[in-house]
PDB file of N, CA and C in Angstrom:
ATOM      1  N   GLU A   1    -202.966 -87.328 202.802  1.00  0.00           N
ATOM      2  CA  GLU A   1    -203.786 -86.189 202.333  1.00  0.00           C
ATOM      3  C   GLU A   1    -202.855 -85.364 201.339  1.00  0.00           C
ATOM      4  N   ALA A   2    -203.494 -85.081 200.202  1.00  0.00           N
ATOM      5  CA  ALA A   2    -202.747 -84.397 199.122  1.00  0.00           C
ATOM      6  C   ALA A   2    -202.532 -82.926 199.518  1.00  0.00           C
ATOM      7  N   CYS A   3    -201.404 -82.484 199.244  1.00  0.00           N
ATOM      8  CA  CYS A   3    -201.140 -81.077 199.602  1.00  0.00           C
ATOM      9  C   CYS A   3    -201.736 -80.176 198.562  1.00  0.00           C
ATOM     10  N   ARG A   4    -202.711 -79.323 199.015  1.00  0.00           N
ATOM     11  CA  ARG A   4    -203.351 -78.366 198.133  1.00  0.00           C
ATOM     12  C   ARG A   4    -202.596 -77.116 198.125  1.00  0.00           C
ATOM     13  N   GLN A   5    -202.417 -76.651 196.848  1.00  0.00           N
ATOM     14  CA  GLN A   5    -201.674 -75.369 196.709  1.00  0.00           C
ATOM     15  C   GLN A   5    -202.683 -74.309 196.581  1.00  0.00           C
ATOM     16  N   THR A   6    -202.603 -73.307 197.457  1.00  0.00           N
ATOM     17  CA  THR A   6    -203.522 -72.211 197.397  1.00  0.00           C
ATOM     18  C   THR A   6    -202.750 -70.981 196.738  1.00  0.00           C
ATOM     19  N   SER A   7    -203.570 -70.251 196.017  1.00  0.00           N
ATOM     20  CA  SER A   7    -202.988 -69.069 195.380  1.00  0.00           C
ATOM     21  C   SER A   7    -202.881 -67.914 196.348  1.00  0.00           C
ATOM     22  N   SER A   8    -201.734 -67.525 196.478  1.00  0.00           N
ATOM     23  CA  SER A   8    -201.534 -66.378 197.393  1.00  0.00           C
ATOM     24  C   SER A   8    -201.804 -65.085 196.624  1.00  0.00           C
ATOM     25  N   PRO A   9    -202.126 -64.004 197.361  1.00  0.00           N
ATOM     26  CA  PRO A   9    -202.375 -62.731 196.640  1.00  0.00           C
ATOM     27  C   PRO A   9    -201.202 -62.321 195.773  1.00  0.00           C
ATOM     28  N   GLN A  10    -199.956 -62.678 196.163  1.00  0.00           N
ATOM     29  CA  GLN A  10    -198.839 -62.301 195.349  1.00  0.00           C
ATOM     30  C   GLN A  10    -198.776 -63.093 194.054  1.00  0.00           C
ATOM     31  N   ASN A  11    -199.193 -64.395 194.087  1.00  0.00           N
ATOM     32  CA  ASN A  11    -199.180 -65.248 192.914  1.00  0.00           C
ATOM     33  C   ASN A  11    -200.261 -64.684 191.941  1.00  0.00           C
ATOM     34  N   ILE A  12    -201.435 -64.382 192.467  1.00  0.00           N
ATOM     35  CA  ILE A  12    -202.506 -63.778 191.610  1.00  0.00           C
ATOM     36  C   ILE A  12    -202.011 -62.520 190.979  1.00  0.00           C
ATOM     37  N   LEU A  13    -201.421 -61.640 191.778  1.00  0.00           N
ATOM     38  CA  LEU A  13    -200.890 -60.366 191.284  1.00  0.00           C
ATOM     39  C   LEU A  13    -199.877 -60.611 190.152  1.00  0.00           C
ATOM     40  N   ASN A  14    -198.996 -61.558 190.311  1.00  0.00           N
ATOM     41  CA  ASN A  14    -197.979 -61.850 189.321  1.00  0.00           C
ATOM     42  C   ASN A  14    -198.638 -62.307 188.041  1.00  0.00           C
ATOM     43  N   LYS A  15    -199.709 -63.170 188.187  1.00  0.00           N
ATOM     44  CA  LYS A  15    -200.369 -63.632 186.934  1.00  0.00           C
ATOM     45  C   LYS A  15    -201.026 -62.537 186.214  1.00  0.00           C
ATOM     46  N   VAL A  16    -201.691 -61.628 186.941  1.00  0.00           N
ATOM     47  CA  VAL A  16    -202.334 -60.495 186.375  1.00  0.00           C
ATOM     48  C   VAL A  16    -201.329 -59.640 185.612  1.00  0.00           C
ATOM     49  N   GLN A  17    -200.202 -59.343 186.370  1.00  0.00           N
ATOM     50  CA  GLN A  17    -199.208 -58.516 185.732  1.00  0.00           C
ATOM     51  C   GLN A  17    -198.610 -59.241 184.436  1.00  0.00           C
ATOM     52  N   ASP A  18    -198.399 -60.491 184.592  1.00  0.00           N
ATOM     53  CA  ASP A  18    -197.884 -61.285 183.396  1.00  0.00           C
ATOM     54  C   ASP A  18    -198.866 -61.160 182.219  1.00  0.00           C
ATOM     55  N   ASN A  19    -200.146 -61.325 182.525  1.00  0.00           N
ATOM     56  CA  ASN A  19    -201.185 -61.176 181.413  1.00  0.00           C
ATOM     57  C   ASN A  19    -201.191 -59.832 180.841  1.00  0.00           C
ATOM     58  N   GLU A  20    -201.110 -58.841 181.677  1.00  0.00           N
ATOM     59  CA  GLU A  20    -201.120 -57.425 181.139  1.00  0.00           C
ATOM     60  C   GLU A  20    -199.868 -57.164 180.323  1.00  0.00           C
ATOM     61  N   GLU A  21    -198.744 -57.657 180.732  1.00  0.00           N
ATOM     62  CA  GLU A  21    -197.499 -57.486 179.976  1.00  0.00           C
ATOM     63  C   GLU A  21    -197.572 -58.230 178.702  1.00  0.00           C
ATOM     64  N   GLU A  22    -198.160 -59.389 178.650  1.00  0.00           N
ATOM     65  CA  GLU A  22    -198.275 -60.171 177.416  1.00  0.00           C
ATOM     66  C   GLU A  22    -199.181 -59.446 176.415  1.00  0.00           C
ATOM     67  N   GLU A  23    -200.297 -58.885 176.910  1.00  0.00           N
ATOM     68  CA  GLU A  23    -201.209 -58.155 176.070  1.00  0.00           C
ATOM     69  C   GLU A  23    -200.539 -56.927 175.537  1.00  0.00           C
ATOM     70  N   ARG A  24    -199.773 -56.282 176.369  1.00  0.00           N
ATOM     71  CA  ARG A  24    -199.068 -55.065 175.941  1.00  0.00           C
ATOM     72  C   ARG A  24    -198.074 -55.408 174.805  1.00  0.00           C
ATOM     73  N   LEU A  25    -197.333 -56.466 175.000  1.00  0.00           N
ATOM     74  CA  LEU A  25    -196.396 -56.909 173.936  1.00  0.00           C
ATOM     75  C   LEU A  25    -197.055 -57.331 172.683  1.00  0.00           C
ATOM     76  N   ASN A  26    -198.214 -57.969 172.834  1.00  0.00           N
ATOM     77  CA  ASN A  26    -198.953 -58.355 171.665  1.00  0.00           C
ATOM     78  C   ASN A  26    -199.395 -57.155 170.841  1.00  0.00           C
ATOM     79  N   ARG A  27    -199.933 -56.114 171.584  1.00  0.00           N
ATOM     80  CA  ARG A  27    -200.302 -54.856 170.917  1.00  0.00           C
ATOM     81  C   ARG A  27    -199.142 -54.217 170.242  1.00  0.00           C
ATOM     82  N   GLU A  28    -198.031 -54.188 170.981  1.00  0.00           N
ATOM     83  CA  GLU A  28    -196.797 -53.549 170.340  1.00  0.00           C
ATOM     84  C   GLU A  28    -196.342 -54.270 169.117  1.00  0.00           C
ATOM     85  N   LEU A  29    -196.443 -55.611 169.163  1.00  0.00           N
ATOM     86  CA  LEU A  29    -196.037 -56.389 167.997  1.00  0.00           C
ATOM     87  C   LEU A  29    -196.923 -56.201 166.794  1.00  0.00           C
ATOM     88  N   GLU A  30    -198.295 -56.073 167.077  1.00  0.00           N
ATOM     89  CA  GLU A  30    -199.246 -55.812 166.020  1.00  0.00           C
ATOM     90  C   GLU A  30    -199.006 -54.408 165.405  1.00  0.00           C
ATOM     91  N   LEU A  31    -198.737 -53.428 166.198  1.00  0.00           N
ATOM     92  CA  LEU A  31    -198.441 -52.063 165.702  1.00  0.00           C
ATOM     93  C   LEU A  31    -197.121 -52.006 164.878  1.00  0.00           C
ATOM     94  N   THR A  32    -196.165 -52.699 165.381  1.00  0.00           N
ATOM     95  CA  THR A  32    -194.836 -52.723 164.732  1.00  0.00           C
ATOM     96  C   THR A  32    -195.010 -53.429 163.356  1.00  0.00           C
ATOM     97  N   THR A  33    -195.695 -54.559 163.331  1.00  0.00           N
ATOM     98  CA  THR A  33    -195.962 -55.249 162.122  1.00  0.00           C
ATOM     99  C   THR A  33    -196.737 -54.438 161.120  1.00  0.00           C
ATOM    100  N   LYS A  34    -197.758 -53.742 161.572  1.00  0.00           N
ATOM    101  CA  LYS A  34    -198.584 -52.839 160.654  1.00  0.00           C
ATOM    102  C   LYS A  34    -197.687 -51.779 160.188  1.00  0.00           C
ATOM    103  N   GLU A  35    -196.920 -51.107 160.972  1.00  0.00           N
ATOM    104  CA  GLU A  35    -196.033 -50.063 160.568  1.00  0.00           C
ATOM    105  C   GLU A  35    -195.031 -50.568 159.558  1.00  0.00           C
ATOM    106  N   ARG A  36    -194.469 -51.750 159.724  1.00  0.00           N
ATOM    107  CA  ARG A  36    -193.491 -52.323 158.725  1.00  0.00           C
ATOM    108  C   ARG A  36    -194.202 -52.575 157.460  1.00  0.00           C
ATOM    109  N   ASN A  37    -195.438 -53.111 157.437  1.00  0.00           N
ATOM    110  CA  ASN A  37    -196.126 -53.302 156.213  1.00  0.00           C
ATOM    111  C   ASN A  37    -196.454 -52.076 155.522  1.00  0.00           C
ATOM    112  N   GLU A  38    -196.880 -51.016 156.255  1.00  0.00           N
ATOM    113  CA  GLU A  38    -197.065 -49.780 155.547  1.00  0.00           C
ATOM    114  C   GLU A  38    -195.824 -49.114 154.990  1.00  0.00           C
ATOM    115  N   LEU A  39    -194.758 -49.241 155.696  1.00  0.00           N
ATOM    116  CA  LEU A  39    -193.503 -48.704 155.150  1.00  0.00           C
ATOM    117  C   LEU A  39    -193.040 -49.484 153.969  1.00  0.00           C
ATOM    118  N   THR A  40    -193.233 -50.793 153.978  1.00  0.00           N
ATOM    119  CA  THR A  40    -192.898 -51.642 152.781  1.00  0.00           C
ATOM    120  C   THR A  40    -193.761 -51.162 151.584  1.00  0.00           C
ATOM    121  N   ASP A  41    -195.083 -50.937 151.830  1.00  0.00           N
ATOM    122  CA  ASP A  41    -195.962 -50.536 150.751  1.00  0.00           C
ATOM    123  C   ASP A  41    -195.484 -49.230 150.200  1.00  0.00           C
ATOM    124  N   ARG A  42    -195.122 -48.289 151.054  1.00  0.00           N
ATOM    125  CA  ARG A  42    -194.696 -46.968 150.585  1.00  0.00           C
ATOM    126  C   ARG A  42    -193.445 -47.084 149.794  1.00  0.00           C
ATOM    127  N   LEU A  43    -192.514 -47.910 150.275  1.00  0.00           N
ATOM    128  CA  LEU A  43    -191.193 -48.124 149.596  1.00  0.00           C
ATOM    129  C   LEU A  43    -191.454 -48.724 148.195  1.00  0.00           C
ATOM    130  N   LEU A  44    -192.428 -49.630 148.124  1.00  0.00           N
ATOM    131  CA  LEU A  44    -192.745 -50.260 146.835  1.00  0.00           C
ATOM    132  C   LEU A  44    -193.362 -49.191 145.926  1.00  0.00           C
ATOM    133  N   TYR A  45    -194.168 -48.330 146.477  1.00  0.00           N
ATOM    134  CA  TYR A  45    -194.764 -47.305 145.674  1.00  0.00           C
ATOM    135  C   TYR A  45    -193.743 -46.338 145.084  1.00  0.00           C
ATOM    136  N   VAL A  46    -192.855 -45.893 146.040  1.00  0.00           N
ATOM    137  CA  VAL A  46    -191.753 -44.935 145.645  1.00  0.00           C
ATOM    138  C   VAL A  46    -190.857 -45.587 144.630  1.00  0.00           C
ATOM    139  N   THR A  47    -190.524 -46.822 144.809  1.00  0.00           N
ATOM    140  CA  THR A  47    -189.498 -47.444 143.924  1.00  0.00           C
ATOM    141  C   THR A  47    -190.160 -48.026 142.716  1.00  0.00           C
ATOM    142  N   GLY A  48    -191.503 -47.901 142.568  1.00  0.00           N
ATOM    143  CA  GLY A  48    -192.166 -48.420 141.377  1.00  0.00           C
ATOM    144  C   GLY A  48    -192.239 -49.984 141.401  1.00  0.00           C
ATOM    145  N   GLY A  49    -192.123 -50.536 142.606  1.00  0.00           N
ATOM    146  CA  GLY A  49    -192.257 -51.952 142.657  1.00  0.00           C
ATOM    147  C   GLY A  49    -191.012 -52.715 142.334  1.00  0.00           C
ATOM    148  N   SER A  50    -189.876 -52.039 142.352  1.00  0.00           N
ATOM    149  CA  SER A  50    -188.605 -52.703 141.962  1.00  0.00           C
ATOM    150  C   SER A  50    -187.992 -53.618 143.068  1.00  0.00           C
ATOM    151  N   MET A  51    -188.776 -53.724 144.162  1.00  0.00           N
ATOM    152  CA  MET A  51    -188.280 -54.614 145.216  1.00  0.00           C
ATOM    153  C   MET A  51    -188.729 -56.067 145.031  1.00  0.00           C
ATOM    154  N   ASN A  52    -189.204 -56.395 143.920  1.00  0.00           N
ATOM    155  CA  ASN A  52    -189.839 -57.731 143.683  1.00  0.00           C
ATOM    156  C   ASN A  52    -188.859 -58.868 144.046  1.00  0.00           C
ATOM    157  N   LYS A  53    -187.561 -58.618 143.956  1.00  0.00           N
ATOM    158  CA  LYS A  53    -186.561 -59.657 144.182  1.00  0.00           C
ATOM    159  C   LYS A  53    -186.167 -59.721 145.673  1.00  0.00           C
ATOM    160  N   SER A  54    -186.680 -58.809 146.485  1.00  0.00           N
ATOM    161  CA  SER A  54    -186.402 -58.853 147.908  1.00  0.00           C
ATOM    162  C   SER A  54    -187.065 -60.006 148.588  1.00  0.00           C
ATOM    163  N   PRO A  55    -186.351 -60.687 149.494  1.00  0.00           N
ATOM    164  CA  PRO A  55    -186.942 -61.809 150.208  1.00  0.00           C
ATOM    165  C   PRO A  55    -188.099 -61.366 151.134  1.00  0.00           C
ATOM    166  N   TYR A  56    -188.162 -60.110 151.387  1.00  0.00           N
ATOM    167  CA  TYR A  56    -189.226 -59.611 152.268  1.00  0.00           C
ATOM    168  C   TYR A  56    -190.370 -59.027 151.520  1.00  0.00           C
ATOM    169  N   PHE A  57    -190.344 -59.201 150.105  1.00  0.00           N
ATOM    170  CA  PHE A  57    -191.386 -58.569 149.336  1.00  0.00           C
ATOM    171  C   PHE A  57    -192.747 -59.137 149.638  1.00  0.00           C
ATOM    172  N   ARG A  58    -193.703 -58.206 149.883  1.00  0.00           N
ATOM    173  CA  ARG A  58    -195.091 -58.592 150.167  1.00  0.00           C
ATOM    174  C   ARG A  58    -195.904 -57.831 149.162  1.00  0.00           C
ATOM    175  N   PRO A  59    -196.485 -58.551 148.061  1.00  0.00           N
ATOM    176  CA  PRO A  59    -197.215 -57.840 147.072  1.00  0.00           C
ATOM    177  C   PRO A  59    -198.444 -57.069 147.626  1.00  0.00           C
ATOM    178  N   ASN A  60    -198.660 -55.980 147.137  1.00  0.00           N
ATOM    179  CA  ASN A  60    -199.845 -55.160 147.558  1.00  0.00           C
ATOM    180  C   ASN A  60    -200.904 -55.378 146.631  1.00  0.00           C
ATOM    181  N   PRO A  61    -202.063 -56.067 147.043  1.00  0.00           N
ATOM    182  CA  PRO A  61    -203.152 -56.442 146.084  1.00  0.00           C
ATOM    183  C   PRO A  61    -203.732 -55.271 145.347  1.00  0.00           C
ATOM    184  N   PHE A  62    -203.777 -54.118 145.975  1.00  0.00           N
ATOM    185  CA  PHE A  62    -204.319 -52.886 145.345  1.00  0.00           C
ATOM    186  C   PHE A  62    -203.401 -52.424 144.204  1.00  0.00           C
ATOM    187  N   TYR A  63    -202.091 -52.508 144.448  1.00  0.00           N
ATOM    188  CA  TYR A  63    -201.172 -52.096 143.416  1.00  0.00           C
ATOM    189  C   TYR A  63    -201.149 -53.085 142.259  1.00  0.00           C
ATOM    190  N   GLU A  64    -201.240 -54.412 142.558  1.00  0.00           N
ATOM    191  CA  GLU A  64    -201.337 -55.403 141.614  1.00  0.00           C
ATOM    192  C   GLU A  64    -202.593 -55.200 140.740  1.00  0.00           C
ATOM    193  N   ASN A  65    -203.755 -54.914 141.341  1.00  0.00           N
ATOM    194  CA  ASN A  65    -204.968 -54.685 140.582  1.00  0.00           C
ATOM    195  C   ASN A  65    -204.818 -53.450 139.727  1.00  0.00           C
ATOM    196  N   LEU A  66    -204.185 -52.442 140.264  1.00  0.00           N
ATOM    197  CA  LEU A  66    -203.956 -51.257 139.488  1.00  0.00           C
ATOM    198  C   LEU A  66    -203.081 -51.464 138.295  1.00  0.00           C
ATOM    199  N   LYS A  67    -202.053 -52.301 138.418  1.00  0.00           N
ATOM    200  CA  LYS A  67    -201.181 -52.571 137.280  1.00  0.00           C
ATOM    201  C   LYS A  67    -201.959 -53.312 136.195  1.00  0.00           C
ATOM    202  N   ILE A  68    -202.825 -54.278 136.633  1.00  0.00           N
ATOM    203  CA  ILE A  68    -203.671 -54.952 135.604  1.00  0.00           C
ATOM    204  C   ILE A  68    -204.579 -54.054 134.944  1.00  0.00           C
ATOM    205  N   LYS A  69    -205.215 -53.139 135.662  1.00  0.00           N
ATOM    206  CA  LYS A  69    -206.141 -52.089 135.051  1.00  0.00           C
ATOM    207  C   LYS A  69    -205.340 -51.275 134.106  1.00  0.00           C
ATOM    208  N   GLU A  70    -204.117 -50.791 134.486  1.00  0.00           N
ATOM    209  CA  GLU A  70    -203.345 -49.985 133.593  1.00  0.00           C
ATOM    210  C   GLU A  70    -203.032 -50.695 132.294  1.00  0.00           C
ATOM    211  N   LYS A  71    -202.694 -51.987 132.346  1.00  0.00           N
ATOM    212  CA  LYS A  71    -202.420 -52.773 131.110  1.00  0.00           C
ATOM    213  C   LYS A  71    -203.696 -52.832 130.267  1.00  0.00           C
ATOM    214  N   GLU A  72    -204.849 -53.053 130.862  1.00  0.00           N
ATOM    215  CA  GLU A  72    -206.057 -53.094 130.091  1.00  0.00           C
ATOM    216  C   GLU A  72    -206.400 -51.746 129.439  1.00  0.00           C
ATOM    217  N   VAL A  73    -206.183 -50.631 130.183  1.00  0.00           N
ATOM    218  CA  VAL A  73    -206.431 -49.330 129.635  1.00  0.00           C
ATOM    219  C   VAL A  73    -205.427 -48.980 128.541  1.00  0.00           C
ATOM    220  N   MET A  74    -204.195 -49.345 128.721  1.00  0.00           N
ATOM    221  CA  MET A  74    -203.209 -49.000 127.721  1.00  0.00           C
ATOM    222  C   MET A  74    -203.455 -49.835 126.424  1.00  0.00           C
ATOM    223  N   SER A  75    -203.885 -51.070 126.597  1.00  0.00           N
ATOM    224  CA  SER A  75    -204.270 -51.912 125.428  1.00  0.00           C
ATOM    225  C   SER A  75    -205.435 -51.290 124.742  1.00  0.00           C
ATOM    226  N   LEU A  76    -206.531 -50.796 125.436  1.00  0.00           N
ATOM    227  CA  LEU A  76    -207.627 -50.222 124.814  1.00  0.00           C
ATOM    228  C   LEU A  76    -207.306 -48.928 124.113  1.00  0.00           C
ATOM    229  N   LEU A  77    -206.385 -48.136 124.714  1.00  0.00           N
ATOM    230  CA  LEU A  77    -205.935 -46.956 124.160  1.00  0.00           C
ATOM    231  C   LEU A  77    -205.088 -47.213 122.850  1.00  0.00           C
ATOM    232  N   HIS A  78    -204.280 -48.224 122.836  1.00  0.00           N
ATOM    233  CA  HIS A  78    -203.539 -48.640 121.636  1.00  0.00           C
ATOM    234  C   HIS A  78    -204.543 -48.972 120.478  1.00  0.00           C
ATOM    235  N   ASN A  79    -205.576 -49.804 120.846  1.00  0.00           N
ATOM    236  CA  ASN A  79    -206.564 -50.214 119.882  1.00  0.00           C
ATOM    237  C   ASN A  79    -207.318 -49.012 119.274  1.00  0.00           C
ATOM    238  N   LEU A  80    -207.699 -48.060 120.185  1.00  0.00           N
ATOM    239  CA  LEU A  80    -208.395 -46.812 119.721  1.00  0.00           C
ATOM    240  C   LEU A  80    -207.475 -46.025 118.840  1.00  0.00           C
ATOM    241  N   ASP A  81    -206.170 -45.914 119.129  1.00  0.00           N
ATOM    242  CA  ASP A  81    -205.251 -45.168 118.264  1.00  0.00           C
ATOM    243  C   ASP A  81    -205.212 -45.849 116.946  1.00  0.00           C
ATOM    244  N   THR A  82    -205.140 -47.184 116.898  1.00  0.00           N
ATOM    245  CA  THR A  82    -205.006 -47.917 115.606  1.00  0.00           C
ATOM    246  C   THR A  82    -206.318 -47.674 114.823  1.00  0.00           C
ATOM    247  N   LYS A  83    -207.442 -47.779 115.429  1.00  0.00           N
ATOM    248  CA  LYS A  83    -208.717 -47.570 114.741  1.00  0.00           C
ATOM    249  C   LYS A  83    -208.814 -46.128 114.230  1.00  0.00           C
ATOM    250  N   ASN A  84    -208.374 -45.168 115.055  1.00  0.00           N
ATOM    251  CA  ASN A  84    -208.309 -43.799 114.635  1.00  0.00           C
ATOM    252  C   ASN A  84    -207.543 -43.542 113.313  1.00  0.00           C
ATOM    253  N   ILE A  85    -206.357 -44.152 113.309  1.00  0.00           N
ATOM    254  CA  ILE A  85    -205.505 -44.072 112.158  1.00  0.00           C
ATOM    255  C   ILE A  85    -206.183 -44.646 110.860  1.00  0.00           C
ATOM    256  N   GLU A  86    -206.802 -45.902 111.130  1.00  0.00           N
ATOM    257  CA  GLU A  86    -207.439 -46.476 110.012  1.00  0.00           C
ATOM    258  C   GLU A  86    -208.628 -45.667 109.487  1.00  0.00           C
ATOM    259  N   HIS A  87    -209.372 -45.081 110.394  1.00  0.00           N
ATOM    260  CA  HIS A  87    -210.536 -44.243 109.986  1.00  0.00           C
ATOM    261  C   HIS A  87    -210.096 -42.935 109.319  1.00  0.00           C
ATOM    262  N   ARG A  88    -208.958 -42.350 109.797  1.00  0.00           N
ATOM    263  CA  ARG A  88    -208.519 -41.164 109.082  1.00  0.00           C
ATOM    264  C   ARG A  88    -208.040 -41.488 107.707  1.00  0.00           C
ATOM    265  N   GLU A  89    -207.314 -42.636 107.538  1.00  0.00           N
ATOM    266  CA  GLU A  89    -206.931 -43.018 106.208  1.00  0.00           C
ATOM    267  C   GLU A  89    -208.113 -43.281 105.324  1.00  0.00           C
ATOM    268  N   LYS A  90    -209.140 -43.939 105.824  1.00  0.00           N
ATOM    269  CA  LYS A  90    -210.373 -44.250 105.039  1.00  0.00           C
ATOM    270  C   LYS A  90    -211.053 -42.845 104.711  1.00  0.00           C
ATOM    271  N   PHE A  91    -211.094 -41.945 105.644  1.00  0.00           N
ATOM    272  CA  PHE A  91    -211.694 -40.634 105.348  1.00  0.00           C
ATOM    273  C   PHE A  91    -210.965 -39.921 104.291  1.00  0.00           C
ATOM    274  N   GLN A  92    -209.633 -39.961 104.272  1.00  0.00           N
ATOM    275  CA  GLN A  92    -208.843 -39.378 103.224  1.00  0.00           C
ATOM    276  C   GLN A  92    -209.185 -39.938 101.875  1.00  0.00           C
ATOM    277  N   GLU A  93    -209.338 -41.207 101.796  1.00  0.00           N
ATOM    278  CA  GLU A  93    -209.627 -41.898 100.606  1.00  0.00           C
ATOM    279  C   GLU A  93    -210.992 -41.528 100.073  1.00  0.00           C
ATOM    280  N   LEU A  94    -211.920 -41.377 101.016  1.00  0.00           N
ATOM    281  CA  LEU A  94    -213.339 -40.976 100.609  1.00  0.00           C
ATOM    282  C   LEU A  94    -213.354 -39.537 100.179  1.00  0.00           C
ATOM    283  N   LYS A  95    -212.568 -38.699 100.787  1.00  0.00           N
ATOM    284  CA  LYS A  95    -212.448 -37.263 100.351  1.00  0.00           C
ATOM    285  C   LYS A  95    -211.905 -37.227  98.904  1.00  0.00           C
ATOM    286  N   LYS A  96    -210.851 -37.996  98.649  1.00  0.00           N
ATOM    287  CA  LYS A  96    -210.286 -38.032  97.270  1.00  0.00           C
ATOM    288  C   LYS A  96    -211.320 -38.503  96.230  1.00  0.00           C
ATOM    289  N   GLU A  97    -212.103 -39.595  96.642  1.00  0.00           N
ATOM    290  CA  GLU A  97    -213.152 -40.072  95.794  1.00  0.00           C
ATOM    291  C   GLU A  97    -214.254 -39.000  95.487  1.00  0.00           C
ATOM    292  N   ILE A  98    -214.653 -38.352  96.580  1.00  0.00           N
ATOM    293  CA  ILE A  98    -215.628 -37.278  96.426  1.00  0.00           C
ATOM    294  C   ILE A  98    -215.153 -36.216  95.484  1.00  0.00           C
ATOM    295  N   ASN A  99    -213.888 -35.779  95.624  1.00  0.00           N
ATOM    296  CA  ASN A  99    -213.302 -34.735  94.818  1.00  0.00           C
ATOM    297  C   ASN A  99    -213.175 -35.205  93.361  1.00  0.00           C
ATOM    298  N   PHE A 100    -212.925 -36.478  93.176  1.00  0.00           N
ATOM    299  CA  PHE A 100    -212.820 -37.041  91.818  1.00  0.00           C
ATOM    300  C   PHE A 100    -214.096 -36.896  91.107  1.00  0.00           C
ATOM    301  N   TYR A 101    -215.246 -37.186  91.806  1.00  0.00           N
ATOM    302  CA  TYR A 101    -216.586 -37.107  91.123  1.00  0.00           C
ATOM    303  C   TYR A 101    -217.147 -35.716  91.031  1.00  0.00           C
ATOM    304  N   ARG A 102    -216.535 -34.703  91.477  1.00  0.00           N
ATOM    305  CA  ARG A 102    -217.081 -33.348  91.387  1.00  0.00           C
ATOM    306  C   ARG A 102    -216.877 -32.781  90.092  1.00  0.00           C
TER     307      ARG A 102
END
């Protein structure tokens, strides 16, 4: 006859305590990881992203998108400045022409 192992109340209690401890440690690990990621993001923000060479660098997608948008806006601004200068020059030429024919 095979020897059946029965779970004693103490074994059940130990398993429950082990499961609770494991859940607690998992929650603690998740919170610690979240806090580390937030601190890394803040450090990247404060340093202007100069941590790119760090082995622990984790790019922030919001920051990356913001950098792309900034480049697009700066390019648009440069184009508008250039067009503004061209239009001012053209306007000055037209003013001279108008004055010439008066």
